[in-house]
């Protein structure tokens, strides 16, 4: 069964030289840092509400383990300067569908 989309939303940086964003991730209670697993999620266009909406389940190497995660998001420019991170902590991520019912039958009255 396919994993349902899980969207990260954020207001983009107002700096004109932003080239993209890094998404960092740690399983809670571990804190996110520059040493955490990360992805370059590029520079997406905001939606009509001014926020970017990005499906994190599409990231290569993204966990498929249910759990509570801490996320960090930073911006970078064309020469590689990276902003400080914003943190989104204690995010419940649910990737695995429940097990099916054990059995079933039809009983005629």
N, C-alpha and C. Protein backbone atom coordinates (compact mmCIF):
# COMPACT_ATOMS: atom_id res chain seq x y z
N UNK A 1 0.85 -1.17 0.00
CA UNK A 1 0.00 0.00 0.00
C UNK A 1 0.89 1.24 0.00
N UNK A 2 0.54 2.22 -0.78
CA UNK A 2 1.32 3.45 -0.88
C UNK A 2 1.19 4.27 0.40
N UNK A 3 2.26 4.96 0.72
CA UNK A 3 2.27 5.85 1.87
C UNK A 3 1.51 7.12 1.50
N UNK A 4 0.61 7.55 2.38
CA UNK A 4 -0.12 8.78 2.13
C UNK A 4 0.82 9.97 2.29
N UNK A 5 0.62 11.01 1.49
CA UNK A 5 1.50 12.18 1.59
C UNK A 5 1.49 12.78 2.99
N UNK A 6 2.64 13.26 3.40
CA UNK A 6 2.80 13.98 4.66
C UNK A 6 3.51 15.28 4.31
N UNK A 7 2.84 16.40 4.52
CA UNK A 7 3.34 17.67 4.04
C UNK A 7 4.01 18.50 5.12
N UNK A 8 5.18 19.00 4.80
CA UNK A 8 5.86 20.04 5.57
C UNK A 8 5.39 21.36 4.96
N UNK A 9 4.95 22.30 5.77
CA UNK A 9 4.62 23.64 5.26
C UNK A 9 5.48 24.66 5.98
N UNK A 10 5.89 25.69 5.25
CA UNK A 10 6.71 26.75 5.84
C UNK A 10 6.58 28.03 5.01
N UNK A 11 6.83 29.13 5.68
CA UNK A 11 6.89 30.43 5.00
C UNK A 11 8.32 30.62 4.52
N UNK A 12 8.52 30.85 3.23
CA UNK A 12 9.88 30.97 2.71
C UNK A 12 10.63 32.17 3.31
N UNK A 13 11.95 32.07 3.28
CA UNK A 13 12.80 33.19 3.70
C UNK A 13 12.52 34.39 2.81
N UNK A 14 12.63 35.59 3.39
CA UNK A 14 12.43 36.79 2.58
C UNK A 14 13.73 37.30 1.96
N UNK A 15 14.84 36.57 2.14
CA UNK A 15 16.12 36.95 1.52
C UNK A 15 16.07 36.68 0.02
N UNK A 16 16.48 37.65 -0.79
CA UNK A 16 16.37 37.49 -2.24
C UNK A 16 17.35 36.48 -2.84
N UNK A 17 18.42 36.13 -2.11
CA UNK A 17 19.43 35.24 -2.68
C UNK A 17 19.28 33.78 -2.26
N UNK A 18 18.16 33.42 -1.66
CA UNK A 18 17.94 32.02 -1.25
C UNK A 18 17.89 31.13 -2.49
N UNK A 19 18.65 30.05 -2.43
CA UNK A 19 18.68 29.08 -3.52
C UNK A 19 17.91 27.81 -3.18
N UNK A 20 17.72 27.55 -1.88
CA UNK A 20 17.01 26.34 -1.50
C UNK A 20 17.00 26.18 0.01
N UNK A 21 16.53 25.00 0.44
CA UNK A 21 16.34 24.71 1.86
C UNK A 21 16.85 23.31 2.17
N UNK A 22 17.37 23.16 3.38
CA UNK A 22 17.75 21.86 3.91
C UNK A 22 16.74 21.46 4.98
N UNK A 23 16.26 20.22 4.91
CA UNK A 23 15.40 19.64 5.92
C UNK A 23 16.22 18.63 6.71
N UNK A 24 16.32 18.83 8.02
CA UNK A 24 17.05 17.94 8.92
C UNK A 24 16.06 17.13 9.74
N UNK A 25 16.48 15.92 10.16
CA UNK A 25 15.55 15.06 10.87
C UNK A 25 16.27 14.16 11.87
N UNK A 26 15.67 14.02 13.05
CA UNK A 26 16.14 13.10 14.08
C UNK A 26 14.93 12.46 14.73
N UNK A 27 15.08 11.21 15.13
CA UNK A 27 14.03 10.56 15.91
C UNK A 27 14.04 11.16 17.31
N UNK A 28 12.87 11.56 17.81
CA UNK A 28 12.77 12.14 19.15
C UNK A 28 13.14 11.06 20.17
N UNK A 29 13.78 11.42 21.24
CA UNK A 29 13.98 12.77 21.77
C UNK A 29 15.28 13.43 21.32
N UNK A 30 15.98 12.87 20.33
CA UNK A 30 17.24 13.45 19.89
C UNK A 30 17.02 14.81 19.25
N UNK A 31 17.89 15.75 19.58
CA UNK A 31 17.79 17.10 19.03
C UNK A 31 18.36 17.14 17.61
N UNK A 32 17.77 17.97 16.77
CA UNK A 32 18.26 18.18 15.41
C UNK A 32 19.49 19.09 15.47
N UNK A 33 20.48 18.77 14.65
CA UNK A 33 21.68 19.60 14.55
C UNK A 33 22.20 19.53 13.12
N UNK A 34 23.28 20.23 12.87
CA UNK A 34 23.91 20.19 11.55
C UNK A 34 24.49 18.83 11.22
N UNK A 35 24.56 17.94 12.20
CA UNK A 35 25.06 16.58 11.99
C UNK A 35 23.94 15.58 11.71
N UNK A 36 22.70 16.03 11.77
CA UNK A 36 21.54 15.15 11.56
C UNK A 36 21.41 14.76 10.09
N UNK A 37 20.64 13.70 9.85
CA UNK A 37 20.31 13.33 8.47
C UNK A 37 19.58 14.50 7.84
N UNK A 38 19.91 14.81 6.58
CA UNK A 38 19.24 15.95 5.94
C UNK A 38 19.04 15.71 4.46
N UNK A 39 18.15 16.51 3.90
CA UNK A 39 17.84 16.50 2.48
C UNK A 39 17.83 17.93 1.96
N UNK A 40 18.29 18.10 0.73
CA UNK A 40 18.17 19.38 0.04
C UNK A 40 16.81 19.34 -0.65
N UNK A 41 15.86 20.15 -0.19
CA UNK A 41 14.52 20.11 -0.77
C UNK A 41 14.31 21.22 -1.80
N UNK A 42 15.38 21.90 -2.18
CA UNK A 42 15.30 22.88 -3.25
C UNK A 42 14.55 24.13 -2.84
N UNK A 43 14.12 24.86 -3.84
CA UNK A 43 13.42 26.13 -3.62
C UNK A 43 12.07 26.04 -4.31
N UNK A 44 11.08 25.65 -3.56
CA UNK A 44 9.72 25.43 -4.08
C UNK A 44 8.94 26.75 -4.11
N UNK A 45 8.02 26.85 -5.02
CA UNK A 45 7.16 28.04 -5.09
C UNK A 45 6.07 27.96 -4.03
N UNK A 46 5.82 29.10 -3.35
CA UNK A 46 4.74 29.10 -2.36
C UNK A 46 3.37 28.97 -3.02
N UNK A 47 2.43 28.48 -2.25
CA UNK A 47 1.05 28.39 -2.70
C UNK A 47 0.38 29.74 -2.49
N UNK A 48 -0.90 29.81 -2.77
CA UNK A 48 -1.62 31.07 -2.71
C UNK A 48 -1.60 31.72 -1.32
N UNK A 49 -1.46 30.90 -0.26
CA UNK A 49 -1.43 31.44 1.10
C UNK A 49 -0.04 31.94 1.50
N UNK A 50 0.93 31.85 0.56
CA UNK A 50 2.29 32.31 0.83
C UNK A 50 3.18 31.26 1.47
N UNK A 51 2.65 30.08 1.73
CA UNK A 51 3.45 29.02 2.35
C UNK A 51 3.83 27.97 1.29
N UNK A 52 4.98 27.38 1.51
CA UNK A 52 5.42 26.26 0.68
C UNK A 52 4.85 24.99 1.30
N UNK A 53 4.43 24.08 0.45
CA UNK A 53 3.89 22.79 0.88
C UNK A 53 4.71 21.72 0.19
N UNK A 54 5.40 20.88 0.97
CA UNK A 54 6.34 19.90 0.42
C UNK A 54 6.05 18.53 1.01
N UNK A 55 5.85 17.54 0.15
CA UNK A 55 5.55 16.17 0.58
C UNK A 55 6.85 15.47 0.96
N UNK A 56 7.07 15.31 2.27
CA UNK A 56 8.33 14.72 2.71
C UNK A 56 8.41 13.21 2.47
N UNK A 57 7.29 12.57 2.19
CA UNK A 57 7.34 11.12 1.92
C UNK A 57 8.01 10.83 0.59
N UNK A 58 8.19 11.84 -0.25
CA UNK A 58 8.82 11.65 -1.56
C UNK A 58 10.35 11.76 -1.50
N UNK A 59 10.89 12.09 -0.33
CA UNK A 59 12.34 12.24 -0.21
C UNK A 59 13.03 10.88 -0.22
N UNK A 60 14.06 10.76 -1.03
CA UNK A 60 14.81 9.51 -1.11
C UNK A 60 15.50 9.25 0.23
N UNK A 61 15.29 8.07 0.76
CA UNK A 61 15.91 7.71 2.03
C UNK A 61 15.09 8.12 3.24
N UNK A 62 13.92 8.70 3.03
CA UNK A 62 13.05 9.09 4.16
C UNK A 62 12.64 7.83 4.90
N UNK A 63 12.62 7.92 6.21
CA UNK A 63 12.22 6.78 7.03
C UNK A 63 10.79 6.35 6.69
N UNK A 64 10.52 5.10 6.89
CA UNK A 64 9.14 4.62 6.82
C UNK A 64 8.76 4.01 8.16
N UNK A 65 9.49 4.38 9.19
CA UNK A 65 9.25 3.88 10.55
C UNK A 65 8.34 4.86 11.28
N UNK A 66 7.21 4.37 11.76
CA UNK A 66 6.32 5.21 12.56
C UNK A 66 7.08 5.71 13.78
N UNK A 67 6.80 6.93 14.18
CA UNK A 67 7.45 7.44 15.38
C UNK A 67 7.26 8.93 15.54
N UNK A 68 7.94 9.47 16.53
CA UNK A 68 7.93 10.89 16.82
C UNK A 68 9.29 11.43 16.38
N UNK A 69 9.27 12.50 15.60
CA UNK A 69 10.50 13.04 15.02
C UNK A 69 10.63 14.53 15.29
N UNK A 70 11.88 14.98 15.32
CA UNK A 70 12.20 16.40 15.39
C UNK A 70 12.77 16.81 14.04
N UNK A 71 12.29 17.94 13.54
CA UNK A 71 12.71 18.43 12.23
C UNK A 71 13.36 19.79 12.37
N UNK A 72 14.27 20.10 11.47
CA UNK A 72 14.88 21.42 11.38
C UNK A 72 14.87 21.85 9.93
N UNK A 73 14.74 23.14 9.69
CA UNK A 73 14.69 23.67 8.32
C UNK A 73 15.57 24.90 8.26
N UNK A 74 16.46 24.95 7.28
CA UNK A 74 17.32 26.11 7.08
C UNK A 74 17.32 26.49 5.61
N UNK A 75 17.71 27.72 5.33
CA UNK A 75 17.83 28.22 3.96
C UNK A 75 19.31 28.33 3.61
N UNK A 76 19.63 28.21 2.32
CA UNK A 76 21.01 28.43 1.88
C UNK A 76 21.01 29.30 0.63
N UNK A 77 22.16 29.97 0.41
CA UNK A 77 22.28 30.85 -0.76
C UNK A 77 23.22 30.24 -1.79
N UNK A 78 23.47 30.99 -2.87
CA UNK A 78 24.23 30.45 -4.00
C UNK A 78 25.69 30.14 -3.68
N UNK A 79 26.27 30.72 -2.64
CA UNK A 79 27.66 30.41 -2.29
C UNK A 79 27.77 29.42 -1.14
N UNK A 80 26.63 28.91 -0.65
CA UNK A 80 26.64 27.88 0.37
C UNK A 80 26.46 28.37 1.80
N UNK A 81 26.23 29.67 1.99
CA UNK A 81 25.93 30.17 3.34
C UNK A 81 24.59 29.60 3.78
N UNK A 82 24.55 29.12 5.01
CA UNK A 82 23.33 28.50 5.53
C UNK A 82 22.79 29.29 6.71
N UNK A 83 21.49 29.52 6.70
CA UNK A 83 20.84 30.24 7.80
C UNK A 83 20.80 29.38 9.05
N UNK A 84 20.40 29.98 10.15
CA UNK A 84 20.08 29.18 11.33
C UNK A 84 18.82 28.38 11.02
N UNK A 85 18.55 27.38 11.85
CA UNK A 85 17.39 26.51 11.63
C UNK A 85 16.17 26.99 12.39
N UNK A 86 15.02 26.70 11.82
CA UNK A 86 13.80 26.71 12.61
C UNK A 86 13.55 25.25 12.99
N UNK A 87 12.91 25.03 14.12
CA UNK A 87 12.69 23.67 14.61
C UNK A 87 11.20 23.36 14.70
N UNK A 88 10.87 22.16 14.31
CA UNK A 88 9.50 21.64 14.43
C UNK A 88 9.66 20.34 15.21
N UNK A 89 9.32 20.39 16.48
CA UNK A 89 9.60 19.26 17.37
C UNK A 89 8.38 18.40 17.64
N UNK A 90 8.67 17.15 17.97
CA UNK A 90 7.65 16.18 18.39
C UNK A 90 6.57 15.98 17.33
N UNK A 91 7.03 15.73 16.11
CA UNK A 91 6.13 15.52 14.97
C UNK A 91 5.81 14.03 14.86
N UNK A 92 4.53 13.64 15.04
CA UNK A 92 4.19 12.22 14.86
C UNK A 92 4.09 11.89 13.37
N UNK A 93 4.87 10.93 12.94
CA UNK A 93 4.81 10.48 11.55
C UNK A 93 4.33 9.03 11.53
N UNK A 94 3.32 8.78 10.72
CA UNK A 94 2.68 7.46 10.64
C UNK A 94 2.73 7.00 9.19
N UNK A 95 3.61 6.06 8.91
CA UNK A 95 3.81 5.58 7.55
C UNK A 95 3.23 4.21 7.30
N UNK A 96 2.98 3.45 8.37
CA UNK A 96 2.61 2.05 8.23
C UNK A 96 1.12 1.87 8.49
N UNK A 97 0.45 1.22 7.55
CA UNK A 97 -0.98 0.93 7.71
C UNK A 97 -1.16 -0.13 8.80
N UNK A 98 -2.32 -0.13 9.45
CA UNK A 98 -2.55 -1.17 10.45
C UNK A 98 -2.69 -2.55 9.79
N UNK A 99 -2.56 -3.59 10.58
CA UNK A 99 -2.78 -4.95 10.08
C UNK A 99 -4.25 -5.11 9.71
N UNK A 100 -4.53 -5.99 8.76
CA UNK A 100 -5.94 -6.22 8.37
C UNK A 100 -6.68 -6.99 9.47
N UNK A 101 -8.00 -7.05 9.38
CA UNK A 101 -8.75 -7.89 10.33
C UNK A 101 -8.26 -9.33 10.25
N UNK A 102 -8.41 -10.07 11.36
CA UNK A 102 -7.89 -11.42 11.45
C UNK A 102 -8.67 -12.40 10.56
N UNK A 103 -9.99 -12.26 10.52
CA UNK A 103 -10.79 -13.17 9.69
C UNK A 103 -12.16 -12.57 9.52
N UNK A 104 -12.96 -13.19 8.71
CA UNK A 104 -14.32 -12.75 8.48
C UNK A 104 -15.14 -13.87 7.90
N UNK A 105 -16.41 -13.79 8.10
CA UNK A 105 -17.31 -14.80 7.55
C UNK A 105 -18.70 -14.21 7.44
N UNK A 106 -19.52 -14.87 6.67
CA UNK A 106 -20.94 -14.51 6.52
C UNK A 106 -21.76 -15.57 7.26
N UNK A 107 -22.65 -15.15 8.12
CA UNK A 107 -23.51 -16.07 8.84
C UNK A 107 -24.96 -15.78 8.39
N UNK A 108 -25.61 -16.80 7.90
CA UNK A 108 -26.99 -16.63 7.44
C UNK A 108 -27.93 -16.89 8.61
N UNK A 109 -28.91 -16.00 8.75
CA UNK A 109 -29.84 -16.08 9.85
C UNK A 109 -30.79 -17.17 9.71
